[in-house]
Amino acid sequence: MTSSEHIEVPLYEIAHGRTGDKGDRLNVSIIPYDDSGYTVIAEQATEERMLSMFRHRGATEARRYDLPKLKAFNFVIENVLQGGVNNSLNLDGHGKTLSFHALTMTVRVSPEVLDAAKEARGD
């Protein structure tokens, strides 16, 4: 397949996410709707790209943990919650909505991967 056959879409088209937080550290799990999205995410959702998604919030580091048996990824992002729940003036100090921000990262996918994700979502 040539790159011209690929489509650029937001990550949320092929995956969903969950978040958690502890202090000033955010955990973002990215889980593809269909197993075919795992390779796409592994190749394109890098630590560097995830860090750049949150740099405007003061993030200093992003680590990615691959979970191949679960077909999922966990990103740990440091210093992103502006001091954490007790210290932040941010309305979402817990970081619960930040998984959607992570899912706005764009990825290039084949039409087959996008179709498989839509089918898995029930679209």
N, C-alpha and C. Protein backbone atom coordinates (compact mmCIF):
# COMPACT_ATOMS: atom_id res chain seq x y z
N MET A 1 0.84 -1.18 0.00
CA MET A 1 0.00 0.00 0.00
C MET A 1 0.88 1.24 0.00
N THR A 2 0.60 2.20 -0.82
CA THR A 2 1.38 3.43 -0.88
C THR A 2 0.86 4.42 0.14
N SER A 3 1.70 5.38 0.49
CA SER A 3 1.28 6.35 1.49
C SER A 3 0.13 7.21 1.00
N SER A 4 -0.05 7.33 -0.32
CA SER A 4 -1.17 8.12 -0.83
C SER A 4 -2.51 7.44 -0.54
N GLU A 5 -2.48 6.15 -0.24
CA GLU A 5 -3.71 5.44 0.10
C GLU A 5 -4.07 5.56 1.57
N HIS A 6 -3.21 6.19 2.34
CA HIS A 6 -3.48 6.38 3.75
C HIS A 6 -4.25 7.67 3.99
N ILE A 7 -4.98 7.69 5.08
CA ILE A 7 -5.83 8.81 5.46
C ILE A 7 -5.33 9.34 6.80
N GLU A 8 -5.26 10.66 6.94
CA GLU A 8 -4.89 11.24 8.22
C GLU A 8 -6.16 11.50 9.03
N VAL A 9 -6.20 10.91 10.22
CA VAL A 9 -7.38 11.04 11.09
C VAL A 9 -6.92 11.29 12.52
N PRO A 10 -7.79 11.87 13.33
CA PRO A 10 -7.46 11.97 14.76
C PRO A 10 -7.43 10.57 15.36
N LEU A 11 -6.59 10.40 16.33
CA LEU A 11 -6.44 9.11 16.99
C LEU A 11 -7.78 8.58 17.52
N TYR A 12 -8.68 9.47 17.92
CA TYR A 12 -9.97 9.01 18.45
C TYR A 12 -10.81 8.27 17.42
N GLU A 13 -10.47 8.35 16.15
CA GLU A 13 -11.19 7.58 15.14
C GLU A 13 -10.86 6.09 15.22
N ILE A 14 -9.68 5.76 15.76
CA ILE A 14 -9.27 4.35 15.82
C ILE A 14 -9.04 3.84 17.24
N ALA A 15 -9.13 4.74 18.24
CA ALA A 15 -8.82 4.33 19.61
C ALA A 15 -9.63 5.14 20.62
N HIS A 16 -9.71 4.62 21.81
CA HIS A 16 -10.30 5.36 22.92
C HIS A 16 -9.27 5.46 24.02
N GLY A 17 -9.54 6.24 25.04
CA GLY A 17 -8.55 6.44 26.08
C GLY A 17 -9.17 6.53 27.46
N ARG A 18 -8.32 6.36 28.45
CA ARG A 18 -8.68 6.50 29.86
C ARG A 18 -7.55 7.26 30.52
N THR A 19 -7.87 7.98 31.57
CA THR A 19 -6.83 8.71 32.28
C THR A 19 -6.88 8.44 33.77
N GLY A 20 -5.78 8.73 34.39
CA GLY A 20 -5.67 8.69 35.84
C GLY A 20 -4.60 9.69 36.23
N ASP A 21 -4.55 10.05 37.49
CA ASP A 21 -3.55 11.03 37.90
C ASP A 21 -3.09 10.74 39.32
N LYS A 22 -1.91 11.20 39.61
CA LYS A 22 -1.36 11.14 40.96
C LYS A 22 -0.42 12.32 41.08
N GLY A 23 -0.80 13.28 41.92
CA GLY A 23 0.02 14.48 42.06
C GLY A 23 0.06 15.24 40.74
N ASP A 24 1.24 15.46 40.23
CA ASP A 24 1.42 16.21 38.99
C ASP A 24 1.72 15.28 37.81
N ARG A 25 1.40 14.01 37.96
CA ARG A 25 1.67 12.99 36.94
C ARG A 25 0.35 12.49 36.36
N LEU A 26 0.31 12.41 35.02
CA LEU A 26 -0.88 11.95 34.32
C LEU A 26 -0.60 10.63 33.64
N ASN A 27 -1.52 9.69 33.76
CA ASN A 27 -1.47 8.43 33.02
C ASN A 27 -2.57 8.49 31.96
N VAL A 28 -2.20 8.24 30.72
CA VAL A 28 -3.17 8.19 29.63
C VAL A 28 -3.03 6.84 28.96
N SER A 29 -4.08 6.06 28.99
CA SER A 29 -4.10 4.78 28.28
C SER A 29 -4.77 4.99 26.93
N ILE A 30 -4.17 4.44 25.89
CA ILE A 30 -4.69 4.50 24.53
C ILE A 30 -4.98 3.07 24.11
N ILE A 31 -6.23 2.80 23.76
CA ILE A 31 -6.65 1.43 23.44
C ILE A 31 -7.34 1.44 22.07
N PRO A 32 -6.77 0.76 21.08
CA PRO A 32 -7.43 0.75 19.77
C PRO A 32 -8.75 -0.01 19.83
N TYR A 33 -9.71 0.47 19.05
CA TYR A 33 -11.00 -0.22 18.97
C TYR A 33 -10.84 -1.61 18.37
N ASP A 34 -9.93 -1.72 17.40
CA ASP A 34 -9.69 -2.99 16.72
C ASP A 34 -8.19 -3.26 16.79
N ASP A 35 -7.82 -4.53 16.90
CA ASP A 35 -6.40 -4.89 17.01
C ASP A 35 -5.56 -4.35 15.85
N SER A 36 -6.17 -4.13 14.68
CA SER A 36 -5.40 -3.64 13.53
C SER A 36 -4.85 -2.23 13.77
N GLY A 37 -5.40 -1.51 14.72
CA GLY A 37 -4.89 -0.17 15.03
C GLY A 37 -3.66 -0.17 15.91
N TYR A 38 -3.34 -1.30 16.51
CA TYR A 38 -2.22 -1.37 17.45
C TYR A 38 -0.90 -0.97 16.79
N THR A 39 -0.62 -1.52 15.62
CA THR A 39 0.65 -1.23 14.93
C THR A 39 0.73 0.24 14.53
N VAL A 40 -0.37 0.79 14.06
CA VAL A 40 -0.40 2.21 13.69
C VAL A 40 -0.04 3.08 14.89
N ILE A 41 -0.65 2.79 16.02
CA ILE A 41 -0.40 3.57 17.23
C ILE A 41 1.04 3.36 17.68
N ALA A 42 1.53 2.12 17.64
CA ALA A 42 2.90 1.83 18.06
C ALA A 42 3.91 2.63 17.23
N GLU A 43 3.64 2.76 15.96
CA GLU A 43 4.57 3.47 15.07
C GLU A 43 4.46 4.98 15.17
N GLN A 44 3.26 5.50 15.42
CA GLN A 44 3.06 6.94 15.29
C GLN A 44 2.82 7.69 16.59
N ALA A 45 2.30 7.06 17.60
CA ALA A 45 2.06 7.74 18.89
C ALA A 45 3.28 7.56 19.77
N THR A 46 4.31 8.33 19.47
CA THR A 46 5.58 8.21 20.17
C THR A 46 5.59 9.04 21.45
N GLU A 47 6.57 8.80 22.27
CA GLU A 47 6.74 9.60 23.49
C GLU A 47 6.93 11.06 23.12
N GLU A 48 7.71 11.32 22.08
CA GLU A 48 7.99 12.70 21.67
C GLU A 48 6.71 13.41 21.23
N ARG A 49 5.90 12.74 20.44
CA ARG A 49 4.65 13.35 19.98
C ARG A 49 3.69 13.59 21.13
N MET A 50 3.61 12.63 22.06
CA MET A 50 2.72 12.81 23.20
C MET A 50 3.20 13.96 24.08
N LEU A 51 4.49 14.05 24.30
CA LEU A 51 5.02 15.16 25.09
C LEU A 51 4.68 16.49 24.43
N SER A 52 4.81 16.56 23.12
CA SER A 52 4.50 17.82 22.43
C SER A 52 3.02 18.19 22.55
N MET A 53 2.14 17.19 22.70
CA MET A 53 0.71 17.46 22.87
C MET A 53 0.42 18.18 24.20
N PHE A 54 1.31 17.98 25.18
CA PHE A 54 1.06 18.51 26.53
C PHE A 54 2.09 19.54 26.98
N ARG A 55 3.02 19.89 26.12
CA ARG A 55 4.04 20.86 26.51
C ARG A 55 3.45 22.20 26.94
N HIS A 56 2.36 22.60 26.32
CA HIS A 56 1.73 23.88 26.66
C HIS A 56 1.23 23.90 28.11
N ARG A 57 1.11 22.72 28.73
CA ARG A 57 0.69 22.62 30.12
C ARG A 57 1.88 22.46 31.07
N GLY A 58 3.09 22.54 30.51
CA GLY A 58 4.29 22.43 31.33
C GLY A 58 4.87 21.03 31.43
N ALA A 59 4.36 20.08 30.65
CA ALA A 59 4.86 18.71 30.70
C ALA A 59 6.36 18.68 30.40
N THR A 60 7.08 17.86 31.15
CA THR A 60 8.53 17.77 31.00
C THR A 60 9.01 16.42 30.48
N GLU A 61 8.17 15.41 30.54
CA GLU A 61 8.58 14.07 30.10
C GLU A 61 7.34 13.23 29.81
N ALA A 62 7.47 12.38 28.80
CA ALA A 62 6.42 11.39 28.52
C ALA A 62 7.10 10.05 28.30
N ARG A 63 6.61 9.04 28.99
CA ARG A 63 7.11 7.67 28.81
C ARG A 63 5.96 6.82 28.30
N ARG A 64 6.27 5.95 27.35
CA ARG A 64 5.24 5.06 26.81
C ARG A 64 5.55 3.64 27.24
N TYR A 65 4.53 2.98 27.71
CA TYR A 65 4.62 1.57 28.07
C TYR A 65 3.72 0.80 27.12
N ASP A 66 4.32 -0.08 26.35
CA ASP A 66 3.56 -0.90 25.40
C ASP A 66 3.00 -2.11 26.13
N LEU A 67 1.75 -2.41 25.86
CA LEU A 67 1.07 -3.56 26.47
C LEU A 67 0.55 -4.45 25.34
N PRO A 68 1.45 -5.17 24.66
CA PRO A 68 1.05 -5.91 23.46
C PRO A 68 0.02 -7.00 23.70
N LYS A 69 0.03 -7.62 24.86
CA LYS A 69 -0.97 -8.67 25.11
C LYS A 69 -2.36 -8.08 25.29
N LEU A 70 -2.42 -6.83 25.72
CA LEU A 70 -3.70 -6.13 25.86
C LEU A 70 -4.02 -5.30 24.62
N LYS A 71 -3.05 -5.19 23.71
CA LYS A 71 -3.18 -4.33 22.53
C LYS A 71 -3.49 -2.90 22.96
N ALA A 72 -2.68 -2.40 23.89
CA ALA A 72 -2.90 -1.06 24.44
C ALA A 72 -1.56 -0.41 24.78
N PHE A 73 -1.63 0.87 25.12
CA PHE A 73 -0.45 1.64 25.49
C PHE A 73 -0.79 2.47 26.72
N ASN A 74 0.20 2.71 27.55
CA ASN A 74 0.02 3.62 28.68
C ASN A 74 1.12 4.66 28.60
N PHE A 75 0.72 5.92 28.59
CA PHE A 75 1.67 7.03 28.62
C PHE A 75 1.64 7.64 30.01
N VAL A 76 2.82 7.90 30.55
CA VAL A 76 2.97 8.59 31.83
C VAL A 76 3.61 9.93 31.50
N ILE A 77 2.90 11.00 31.83
CA ILE A 77 3.33 12.34 31.48
C ILE A 77 3.59 13.11 32.77
N GLU A 78 4.79 13.63 32.88
CA GLU A 78 5.23 14.30 34.11
C GLU A 78 4.98 15.80 34.06
N ASN A 79 4.63 16.36 35.21
CA ASN A 79 4.48 17.80 35.42
C ASN A 79 3.46 18.44 34.48
N VAL A 80 2.36 17.75 34.27
CA VAL A 80 1.35 18.21 33.32
C VAL A 80 0.09 18.75 34.00
N LEU A 81 -0.08 18.49 35.28
CA LEU A 81 -1.32 18.87 35.94
C LEU A 81 -1.21 20.18 36.71
N GLN A 82 -0.21 20.97 36.35
CA GLN A 82 -0.02 22.32 36.90
C GLN A 82 -0.03 22.30 38.43
N GLY A 83 0.70 21.35 38.98
CA GLY A 83 0.84 21.25 40.42
C GLY A 83 -0.01 20.17 41.05
N GLY A 84 -0.92 19.59 40.31
CA GLY A 84 -1.77 18.53 40.84
C GLY A 84 -3.09 19.06 41.37
N VAL A 85 -3.90 18.15 41.84
CA VAL A 85 -5.27 18.47 42.25
C VAL A 85 -5.32 19.57 43.30
N ASN A 86 -4.49 19.50 44.29
CA ASN A 86 -4.57 20.45 45.40
C ASN A 86 -3.92 21.80 45.11
N ASN A 87 -3.05 21.87 44.11
CA ASN A 87 -2.31 23.10 43.86
C ASN A 87 -2.73 23.85 42.61
N SER A 88 -3.53 23.26 41.77
CA SER A 88 -3.84 23.86 40.48
C SER A 88 -5.09 24.72 40.53
N LEU A 89 -5.06 25.80 39.76
CA LEU A 89 -6.25 26.63 39.58
C LEU A 89 -7.06 26.14 38.40
N ASN A 90 -6.53 25.17 37.69
CA ASN A 90 -7.20 24.60 36.52
C ASN A 90 -8.50 23.94 36.96
N LEU A 91 -9.55 24.11 36.19
CA LEU A 91 -10.84 23.50 36.53
C LEU A 91 -10.80 21.99 36.50
N ASP A 92 -9.90 21.42 35.72
CA ASP A 92 -9.81 19.96 35.64
C ASP A 92 -8.47 19.52 36.21
N GLY A 93 -8.24 19.82 37.47
CA GLY A 93 -6.99 19.46 38.11
C GLY A 93 -6.74 17.97 38.17
N HIS A 94 -7.81 17.18 38.09
CA HIS A 94 -7.64 15.74 38.12
C HIS A 94 -7.16 15.19 36.79
N GLY A 95 -7.27 15.92 35.72
CA GLY A 95 -6.80 15.46 34.43
C GLY A 95 -7.70 14.47 33.73
N LYS A 96 -8.93 14.32 34.18
CA LYS A 96 -9.81 13.30 33.62
C LYS A 96 -10.17 13.56 32.16
N THR A 97 -10.21 14.80 31.74
CA THR A 97 -10.56 15.08 30.34
C THR A 97 -9.36 15.08 29.42
N LEU A 98 -8.16 14.91 29.95
CA LEU A 98 -6.97 15.02 29.12
C LEU A 98 -6.77 13.86 28.16
N SER A 99 -7.45 12.74 28.37
CA SER A 99 -7.31 11.65 27.40
C SER A 99 -7.85 12.08 26.05
N PHE A 100 -8.91 12.89 26.05
CA PHE A 100 -9.44 13.32 24.75
C PHE A 100 -8.46 14.23 24.04
N HIS A 101 -7.75 15.07 24.79
CA HIS A 101 -6.73 15.90 24.16
C HIS A 101 -5.68 15.01 23.50
N ALA A 102 -5.24 13.98 24.20
CA ALA A 102 -4.26 13.05 23.62
C ALA A 102 -4.81 12.40 22.36
N LEU A 103 -6.10 12.12 22.36
CA LEU A 103 -6.71 11.44 21.21
C LEU A 103 -6.92 12.35 20.00
N THR A 104 -6.60 13.63 20.14
CA THR A 104 -6.67 14.51 18.97
C THR A 104 -5.40 14.44 18.13
N MET A 105 -4.38 13.74 18.62
CA MET A 105 -3.17 13.53 17.82
C MET A 105 -3.57 12.86 16.50
N THR A 106 -3.02 13.32 15.40
CA THR A 106 -3.38 12.70 14.12
C THR A 106 -2.44 11.55 13.79
N VAL A 107 -3.00 10.56 13.13
CA VAL A 107 -2.25 9.39 12.65
C VAL A 107 -2.67 9.10 11.22
N ARG A 108 -1.78 8.48 10.48
CA ARG A 108 -2.09 8.08 9.11
C ARG A 108 -2.43 6.60 9.12
N VAL A 109 -3.60 6.28 8.58
CA VAL A 109 -4.08 4.90 8.60
C VAL A 109 -4.55 4.49 7.21
N SER A 110 -4.56 3.19 7.00
CA SER A 110 -5.14 2.67 5.76
C SER A 110 -6.66 2.70 5.90
N PRO A 111 -7.37 2.72 4.79
CA PRO A 111 -8.82 2.66 4.88
C PRO A 111 -9.31 1.41 5.61
N GLU A 112 -8.58 0.32 5.50
CA GLU A 112 -8.98 -0.92 6.16
C GLU A 112 -8.92 -0.79 7.69
N VAL A 113 -7.89 -0.13 8.20
CA VAL A 113 -7.77 0.07 9.64
C VAL A 113 -8.91 0.96 10.13
N LEU A 114 -9.20 2.02 9.39
CA LEU A 114 -10.29 2.92 9.76
C LEU A 114 -11.63 2.19 9.72
N ASP A 115 -11.86 1.40 8.70
CA ASP A 115 -13.12 0.63 8.60
C ASP A 115 -13.25 -0.36 9.75
N ALA A 116 -12.16 -1.04 10.10
CA ALA A 116 -12.20 -2.00 11.20
C ALA A 116 -12.53 -1.31 12.53
N ALA A 117 -11.97 -0.12 12.73
CA ALA A 117 -12.26 0.64 13.96
C ALA A 117 -13.73 1.05 13.98
N LYS A 118 -14.24 1.52 12.86
CA LYS A 118 -15.65 1.92 12.80
C LYS A 118 -16.57 0.73 13.07
N GLU A 119 -16.22 -0.42 12.53
CA GLU A 119 -17.04 -1.62 12.77
C GLU A 119 -16.99 -2.01 14.24
N ALA A 120 -15.80 -1.95 14.83
CA ALA A 120 -15.65 -2.31 16.25
C ALA A 120 -16.43 -1.34 17.15
N ARG A 121 -16.52 -0.06 16.74
CA ARG A 121 -17.28 0.94 17.50
C ARG A 121 -18.78 0.79 17.28
N GLY A 122 -19.16 0.06 16.24
CA GLY A 122 -20.57 -0.10 15.94
C GLY A 122 -21.11 0.97 15.00
N ASP A 123 -20.21 1.68 14.33
CA ASP A 123 -20.63 2.72 13.38
C ASP A 123 -21.04 2.11 12.04
